[in-house]
Amino acid sequence: MADNDLLAEQFEEKRGHLRAVAYRILGSLAEADDAVQEAWLRLSRSGASVDNLGAWLTTVVARVCLDMLRSRKARREDPLDVEGGHRMPGAHDPEQEMLLANSVGLALLVILDTLEPAERLAFVLHDMFAMPFDELAGVIGRSTDATRQLASRARRRIQGSPAPPADRSRQREIVDAYLAAAREGDFDALMSLLDPNIVLRADHRVLGLGGPVEIRDAAAIAERAVKAGARAAQPALIDGEVGVVVAPRGKLLMVLKFTVANGKIVEIDAIGDRDRLRQIDLAVLS
């Protein structure tokens, strides 16, 4: 009994780290907790002496997560399957999951969902948790060189093009200002960012209507931004330009593509259609 109590105590000391690893691999708090619990069950049943318990548990959690990702892919679950205001299956604490998603980065979680399971695992464990490639290779079941290539391929997808256009910093300033004004409900600040002749184009998934809609009224667009609040929004590179991903708890709901001219936003394309979202090239802003 004393040995079991000591083992449980040691496991609890590492639970936070294991949960962080699992959440970044899976993108779901409920599934992450399931993976951590499975690691505890395997540890408690093993009866073996473990020299480096932290490394052993991280490896077990990683393998469990990889199996879960592959099973998810085999069932062809859609990582974009989120509707505004609807609770995701297994999301037992939406507020906690939102806080965790924000701390990791909504855009990063969205892009991680586009990677193959082995790519995602390689990137998370090496780039985010500094696991050496020789150890990681054993988890994934590939050679060290192949595992390094997986992480490199994932990194390129996440970081996007290495040569940003000269005006990207100005785009970022304007998009950041737009999000800040929307979050603060500052109508006047929004109006100062919008061109008087701005046009907002939204597809049927965004507005829940029968087809795409165009709005050519700066005040109406600003009012919509204030109402939306941008709580689950974060800047990202969208087809090489600075835009916004809207991703409640890290699950992509829509993107906003901005066209900026002379320091004003002249066009906003709101895209929520799943087929169109899959075709968009997303990357994390550095």
Protein backbone atom coordinates (compact mmCIF):
# COMPACT_ATOMS: atom_id res chain seq x y z
CA MET A 1 0.00 0.00 0.00
CA ALA A 2 2.80 2.38 0.89
CA ASP A 3 4.46 1.73 -2.48
CA ASN A 4 1.20 2.41 -4.30
CA ASP A 5 0.68 5.63 -2.38
CA LEU A 6 4.20 6.77 -3.24
CA LEU A 7 3.67 5.92 -6.91
CA ALA A 8 0.38 7.84 -6.96
CA GLU A 9 2.07 10.82 -5.34
CA GLN A 10 4.88 10.77 -7.90
CA PHE A 11 2.34 10.52 -10.71
CA GLU A 12 0.35 13.50 -9.42
CA GLU A 13 3.53 15.59 -9.41
CA LYS A 14 3.82 14.95 -13.15
CA ARG A 15 0.13 15.16 -14.07
CA GLY A 16 0.30 18.82 -15.10
CA HIS A 17 3.17 18.21 -17.51
CA LEU A 18 1.52 15.12 -18.95
CA ARG A 19 -1.75 16.97 -19.43
CA ALA A 20 0.06 19.81 -21.21
CA VAL A 21 1.73 17.34 -23.57
CA ALA A 22 -1.51 15.48 -24.27
CA TYR A 23 -3.54 18.64 -24.85
CA ARG A 24 -1.10 20.00 -27.42
CA ILE A 25 -1.06 16.70 -29.25
CA LEU A 26 -4.81 16.14 -29.18
CA GLY A 27 -6.29 19.64 -28.99
CA SER A 28 -9.05 18.40 -26.68
CA LEU A 29 -9.02 18.73 -22.91
CA ALA A 30 -11.32 15.76 -22.38
CA GLU A 31 -9.21 13.50 -24.58
CA ALA A 32 -6.03 14.77 -22.94
CA ASP A 33 -7.37 13.81 -19.52
CA ASP A 34 -8.32 10.38 -20.90
CA ALA A 35 -4.77 9.89 -22.21
CA VAL A 36 -3.25 10.88 -18.86
CA GLN A 37 -5.59 8.53 -17.01
CA GLU A 38 -4.62 5.69 -19.35
CA ALA A 39 -0.95 6.38 -18.54
CA TRP A 40 -1.73 6.05 -14.83
CA LEU A 41 -3.54 2.75 -15.40
CA ARG A 42 -0.59 1.37 -17.33
CA LEU A 43 1.82 2.53 -14.66
CA SER A 44 -0.21 1.08 -11.80
CA ARG A 45 -0.55 -2.26 -13.61
CA SER A 46 3.05 -2.53 -14.75
CA GLY A 47 4.61 -3.37 -11.39
CA ALA A 48 7.97 -2.50 -12.93
CA SER A 49 10.63 -0.26 -11.48
CA VAL A 50 11.10 2.85 -13.61
CA ASP A 51 14.35 4.77 -13.38
CA ASN A 52 13.13 7.94 -15.10
CA LEU A 53 9.43 8.09 -14.33
CA GLY A 54 8.86 11.42 -16.07
CA ALA A 55 10.34 10.26 -19.36
CA TRP A 56 8.53 6.91 -19.13
CA LEU A 57 5.16 8.57 -18.55
CA THR A 58 5.71 11.14 -21.30
CA THR A 59 6.46 8.31 -23.73
CA VAL A 60 3.36 6.39 -22.67
CA VAL A 61 1.13 9.47 -22.98
CA ALA A 62 2.62 10.24 -26.40
CA ARG A 63 1.93 6.72 -27.67
CA VAL A 64 -1.62 6.80 -26.32
CA CYS A 65 -2.19 10.16 -27.99
CA LEU A 66 -0.78 8.92 -31.29
CA ASP A 67 -3.18 5.98 -31.21
CA MET A 68 -6.05 8.36 -30.48
CA LEU A 69 -5.08 10.65 -33.37
CA ARG A 70 -4.84 7.71 -35.76
CA SER A 71 -8.18 6.36 -34.58
CA ARG A 72 -9.73 9.78 -35.05
CA LYS A 73 -8.35 9.97 -38.59
CA ALA A 74 -9.51 6.43 -39.38
CA ARG A 75 -13.03 7.43 -38.31
CA ARG A 76 -12.62 10.51 -40.51
CA GLU A 77 -13.69 12.86 -37.77
CA ASP A 78 -13.74 16.45 -38.96
CA PRO A 79 -11.53 18.70 -36.79
CA LEU A 80 -13.48 21.69 -38.12
CA ASP A 81 -16.77 20.38 -36.73
CA VAL A 82 -17.64 23.26 -34.44
CA GLU A 83 -20.77 25.35 -34.56
CA GLY A 84 -20.99 28.72 -32.89
CA GLY A 85 -22.35 28.34 -29.39
CA HIS A 86 -22.51 24.54 -29.51
CA ARG A 87 -20.60 22.48 -27.01
CA MET A 88 -18.11 20.03 -28.49
CA PRO A 89 -18.48 16.38 -27.53
CA GLY A 90 -16.24 15.61 -24.57
CA ALA A 91 -15.58 19.26 -23.71
CA HIS A 92 -16.45 18.87 -20.04
CA ASP A 93 -15.30 22.36 -19.05
CA PRO A 94 -15.62 24.85 -21.94
CA GLU A 95 -14.33 27.82 -19.95
CA GLN A 96 -11.24 25.94 -18.81
CA GLU A 97 -10.65 24.64 -22.31
CA MET A 98 -10.94 28.15 -23.76
CA LEU A 99 -8.37 29.48 -21.29
CA LEU A 100 -6.03 26.62 -22.11
CA ALA A 101 -6.49 27.07 -25.86
CA ASN A 102 -5.74 30.78 -25.55
CA SER A 103 -2.58 30.06 -23.58
CA VAL A 104 -1.32 27.68 -26.27
CA GLY A 105 -2.49 29.85 -29.18
CA LEU A 106 -5.73 29.43 -31.11
CA ALA A 107 -4.01 29.73 -34.49
CA LEU A 108 -1.40 27.13 -33.54
CA LEU A 109 -4.06 24.64 -32.41
CA VAL A 110 -5.98 25.17 -35.64
CA ILE A 111 -2.89 24.51 -37.78
CA LEU A 112 -1.85 21.51 -35.68
CA ASP A 113 -5.23 19.99 -36.56
CA THR A 114 -4.24 20.05 -40.25
CA LEU A 115 -1.13 17.92 -39.72
CA GLU A 116 -0.85 14.17 -40.04
CA PRO A 117 -0.75 12.39 -36.64
CA ALA A 118 2.97 11.58 -36.79
CA GLU A 119 3.81 15.13 -37.93
CA ARG A 120 1.83 16.62 -35.08
CA LEU A 121 3.45 14.36 -32.52
CA ALA A 122 6.94 15.06 -33.84
CA PHE A 123 6.45 18.82 -33.76
CA VAL A 124 4.83 18.96 -30.33
CA LEU A 125 7.28 16.66 -28.57
CA HIS A 126 10.43 18.06 -30.19
CA ASP A 127 9.70 21.75 -30.79
CA MET A 128 7.48 22.36 -27.76
CA PHE A 129 8.85 19.87 -25.22
CA ALA A 130 12.44 19.36 -26.45
CA MET A 131 12.28 15.57 -26.72
CA PRO A 132 15.40 14.37 -28.62
CA PHE A 133 14.77 12.89 -32.04
CA ASP A 134 16.29 9.52 -31.14
CA GLU A 135 13.77 9.12 -28.29
CA LEU A 136 10.93 10.49 -30.40
CA ALA A 137 11.71 8.02 -33.18
CA GLY A 138 10.96 5.14 -30.81
CA VAL A 139 7.57 6.65 -29.94
CA ILE A 140 6.53 7.18 -33.56
CA GLY A 141 8.10 4.00 -34.91
CA ARG A 142 10.26 5.71 -37.55
CA SER A 143 13.97 6.19 -38.02
CA THR A 144 15.61 9.21 -36.41
CA ASP A 145 16.12 10.87 -39.81
CA ALA A 146 12.51 10.24 -40.83
CA THR A 147 11.29 11.63 -37.51
CA ARG A 148 13.41 14.75 -37.99
CA GLN A 149 11.85 15.20 -41.43
CA LEU A 150 8.36 14.87 -39.96
CA ALA A 151 9.06 17.67 -37.48
CA SER A 152 10.64 19.82 -40.20
CA ARG A 153 7.64 19.36 -42.50
CA ALA A 154 5.26 20.27 -39.68
CA ARG A 155 7.36 23.32 -38.80
CA ARG A 156 7.18 24.60 -42.38
CA ARG A 157 3.41 24.23 -42.39
CA ILE A 158 3.08 26.05 -39.09
CA GLN A 159 5.50 28.89 -39.81
CA GLY A 160 4.45 29.56 -43.40
CA SER A 161 6.61 31.35 -45.93
CA PRO A 162 9.99 32.53 -44.60
CA ALA A 163 9.95 35.83 -46.53
CA PRO A 164 7.07 38.08 -45.36
CA PRO A 165 6.01 40.98 -47.58
CA ALA A 166 7.28 44.41 -46.60
CA ASP A 167 3.85 45.67 -45.55
CA ARG A 168 2.95 42.71 -43.32
CA SER A 169 3.85 44.58 -40.13
CA ARG A 170 1.40 47.36 -41.03
CA GLN A 171 -1.28 44.77 -41.78
CA ARG A 172 -0.62 43.23 -38.38
CA GLU A 173 -1.00 46.61 -36.64
CA ILE A 174 -4.36 47.20 -38.28
CA VAL A 175 -5.67 43.70 -37.60
CA ASP A 176 -4.51 43.88 -33.97
CA ALA A 177 -6.24 47.24 -33.60
CA TYR A 178 -9.44 45.80 -35.13
CA LEU A 179 -9.46 42.88 -32.69
CA ALA A 180 -8.69 45.12 -29.70
CA ALA A 181 -11.54 47.48 -30.60
CA ALA A 182 -13.95 44.58 -31.13
CA ARG A 183 -13.05 43.03 -27.76
CA GLU A 184 -13.44 46.37 -25.97
CA GLY A 185 -16.67 47.20 -27.77
CA ASP A 186 -15.13 50.43 -29.06
CA PHE A 187 -17.38 51.36 -31.98
CA ASP A 188 -15.56 54.64 -32.75
CA ALA A 189 -12.16 52.90 -32.90
CA LEU A 190 -13.57 50.35 -35.32
CA MET A 191 -15.03 53.06 -37.52
CA SER A 192 -11.63 54.76 -37.67
CA LEU A 193 -10.13 51.54 -39.09
CA LEU A 194 -12.83 50.89 -41.72
CA ASP A 195 -12.88 52.53 -45.12
CA PRO A 196 -16.22 54.31 -45.68
CA ASN A 197 -16.81 52.12 -48.74
CA ILE A 198 -15.80 48.86 -47.06
CA VAL A 199 -17.48 45.64 -48.15
CA LEU A 200 -17.95 42.57 -45.94
CA ARG A 201 -18.54 39.28 -47.74
CA ALA A 202 -19.79 36.35 -45.68
CA ASP A 203 -20.69 32.86 -46.83
CA HIS A 204 -23.77 30.93 -45.72
CA ARG A 205 -21.91 29.16 -42.89
CA VAL A 206 -21.01 32.45 -41.25
CA LEU A 207 -24.44 34.08 -41.22
CA GLY A 208 -26.57 30.94 -41.31
CA LEU A 209 -28.44 32.16 -44.38
CA GLY A 210 -29.19 30.58 -47.72
CA GLY A 211 -26.21 31.98 -49.57
CA PRO A 212 -23.36 34.47 -49.47
CA VAL A 213 -24.13 37.99 -48.30
CA GLU A 214 -22.46 41.34 -48.93
CA ILE A 215 -22.67 44.24 -46.50
CA ARG A 216 -21.56 47.66 -47.72
CA ASP A 217 -22.10 49.74 -44.61
CA ALA A 218 -19.17 50.59 -42.32
CA ALA A 219 -21.42 51.29 -39.34
CA ALA A 220 -23.26 47.97 -39.73
CA ILE A 221 -19.94 46.11 -40.02
CA ALA A 222 -18.58 47.84 -36.91
CA GLU A 223 -21.76 46.97 -34.99
CA ARG A 224 -21.37 43.32 -35.98
CA ALA A 225 -17.75 43.33 -34.80
CA VAL A 226 -18.74 44.83 -31.44
CA LYS A 227 -21.50 42.25 -31.03
CA ALA A 228 -19.17 39.35 -31.91
CA GLY A 229 -16.54 40.59 -29.44
CA ALA A 230 -13.64 38.64 -31.00
CA ARG A 231 -13.25 36.56 -27.84
CA ALA A 232 -12.19 33.42 -29.71
CA ALA A 233 -10.26 35.26 -32.43
CA GLN A 234 -6.53 35.55 -33.02
CA PRO A 235 -4.33 36.94 -35.81
CA ALA A 236 -2.85 34.41 -38.23
CA LEU A 237 -1.39 34.24 -41.70
CA ILE A 238 -4.17 33.39 -44.14
CA ASP A 239 -2.97 32.67 -47.67
CA GLY A 240 0.14 34.68 -46.85
CA GLU A 241 -1.70 37.77 -45.58
CA VAL A 242 -2.49 38.85 -42.03
CA GLY A 243 -6.02 37.86 -41.09
CA VAL A 244 -7.94 36.34 -38.21
CA VAL A 245 -8.91 32.82 -37.19
CA VAL A 246 -12.02 32.41 -35.08
CA ALA A 247 -11.52 29.19 -33.16
CA PRO A 248 -13.56 28.51 -30.01
CA ARG A 249 -11.43 26.26 -27.80
CA GLY A 250 -8.94 25.89 -30.66
CA LYS A 251 -11.41 24.41 -33.18
CA LEU A 252 -11.66 26.42 -36.38
CA LEU A 253 -15.06 28.04 -36.94
CA MET A 254 -14.20 30.67 -39.54
CA VAL A 255 -11.45 32.91 -40.88
CA LEU A 256 -11.54 36.62 -41.68
CA LYS A 257 -9.44 37.76 -44.63
CA PHE A 258 -8.66 41.48 -44.66
CA THR A 259 -7.74 43.71 -47.57
CA VAL A 260 -5.96 46.86 -46.40
CA ALA A 261 -5.31 49.94 -48.52
CA ASN A 262 -4.01 53.35 -47.42
CA GLY A 263 -4.15 52.32 -43.78
CA LYS A 264 -7.84 51.35 -43.90
CA ILE A 265 -9.67 48.03 -44.12
CA VAL A 266 -11.45 48.05 -47.48
CA GLU A 267 -12.65 44.43 -47.63
CA ILE A 268 -13.35 41.63 -45.16
CA ASP A 269 -14.07 38.09 -46.36
CA ALA A 270 -15.67 35.93 -43.66
CA ILE A 271 -15.27 32.26 -44.58
CA GLY A 272 -16.91 29.47 -42.63
CA ASP A 273 -17.59 26.90 -45.34
CA ARG A 274 -15.65 23.74 -44.46
CA ASP A 275 -14.58 23.00 -48.02
CA ARG A 276 -13.22 26.51 -48.46
CA LEU A 277 -11.50 26.41 -45.06
CA ARG A 278 -9.65 23.23 -46.05
CA GLN A 279 -8.24 24.98 -49.11
CA ILE A 280 -6.85 27.95 -47.16
CA ASP A 281 -3.14 28.08 -46.34
CA LEU A 282 -2.86 28.89 -42.62
CA ALA A 283 0.30 29.73 -40.69
CA VAL A 284 1.19 31.15 -37.29
CA LEU A 285 2.28 34.77 -37.07
CA SER A 286 5.68 35.12 -35.45
